[in-house]
Amino acid sequence: MRPFSIQLPNRLRLSVPFLILWAAVVSSCTHEKPNFIYMADMVYSPAYKAQKEGSMMRPVAGTVPRDFQSYHFPTDPNDFSGGGYKNPIKRTKAAMARGQFLFNTYCIVCHGPNGEGDGSIIPKFPRPPSLQADKAIGYPDAYIFQMMSIGRGNMPSYASQVTAEDRWTIVHYVRALQRSKHPTPDDLKVAGK
């Protein structure tokens, strides 16, 4: 069996080296100034440096970036009002289960299983305030949400790890922990009586 080969006519055998030489000569030519510019406005457009005055376009009025969530709570960590906002998530069994799962994922290491500030990392780090203290029980739901969102003291912000909806479910679970240690008279009533 013979290897595959292409047989060129004699006329083309002489022209192939010529074509290679011609392509090499033409490709080595440079033109500093072309003869004709088709779109002069694009060739000679003004260049802007990024982030320089005049280069940043203002967004259209009324638009917001994708995945943007406005934060309308007070950003002062000493403002305990929470802006007067109420928890928008209904207290359901699914919301409580989700809040418990997230509390056990993110909060339990510092705040402990009952929210008393006795988590597993406490001997190495400063003890956080107890969520069972009278002061914490008196916080509005929005303030607890706010502390998870912007952080306070040694506690970092969890806004990048936990969505706003999930932070509200954690608030429901924290309230359930507080009521388990400090039940109200309504909590002590037997259902159906």
Foldseek 3Di string as FASTA:
>chain_A
DDDDDDDDPPVVVVCVVVVVVVVVVVVVDDDPDDPDDDDVCVVPPDDDDPPDPPPDDDDDPPDDDPPDDDDPFDLPLVPLCLNVDALPDDDDPVLLVLLLVVCVVPPCQQLNNLQCRDHVCCVVDPGDHGCLDPVNLPGHLSSQLSCCQPNDDPGHHCCVPAPSNSSSSNSVNSNVSNCVVVPDVVVVDDPPD
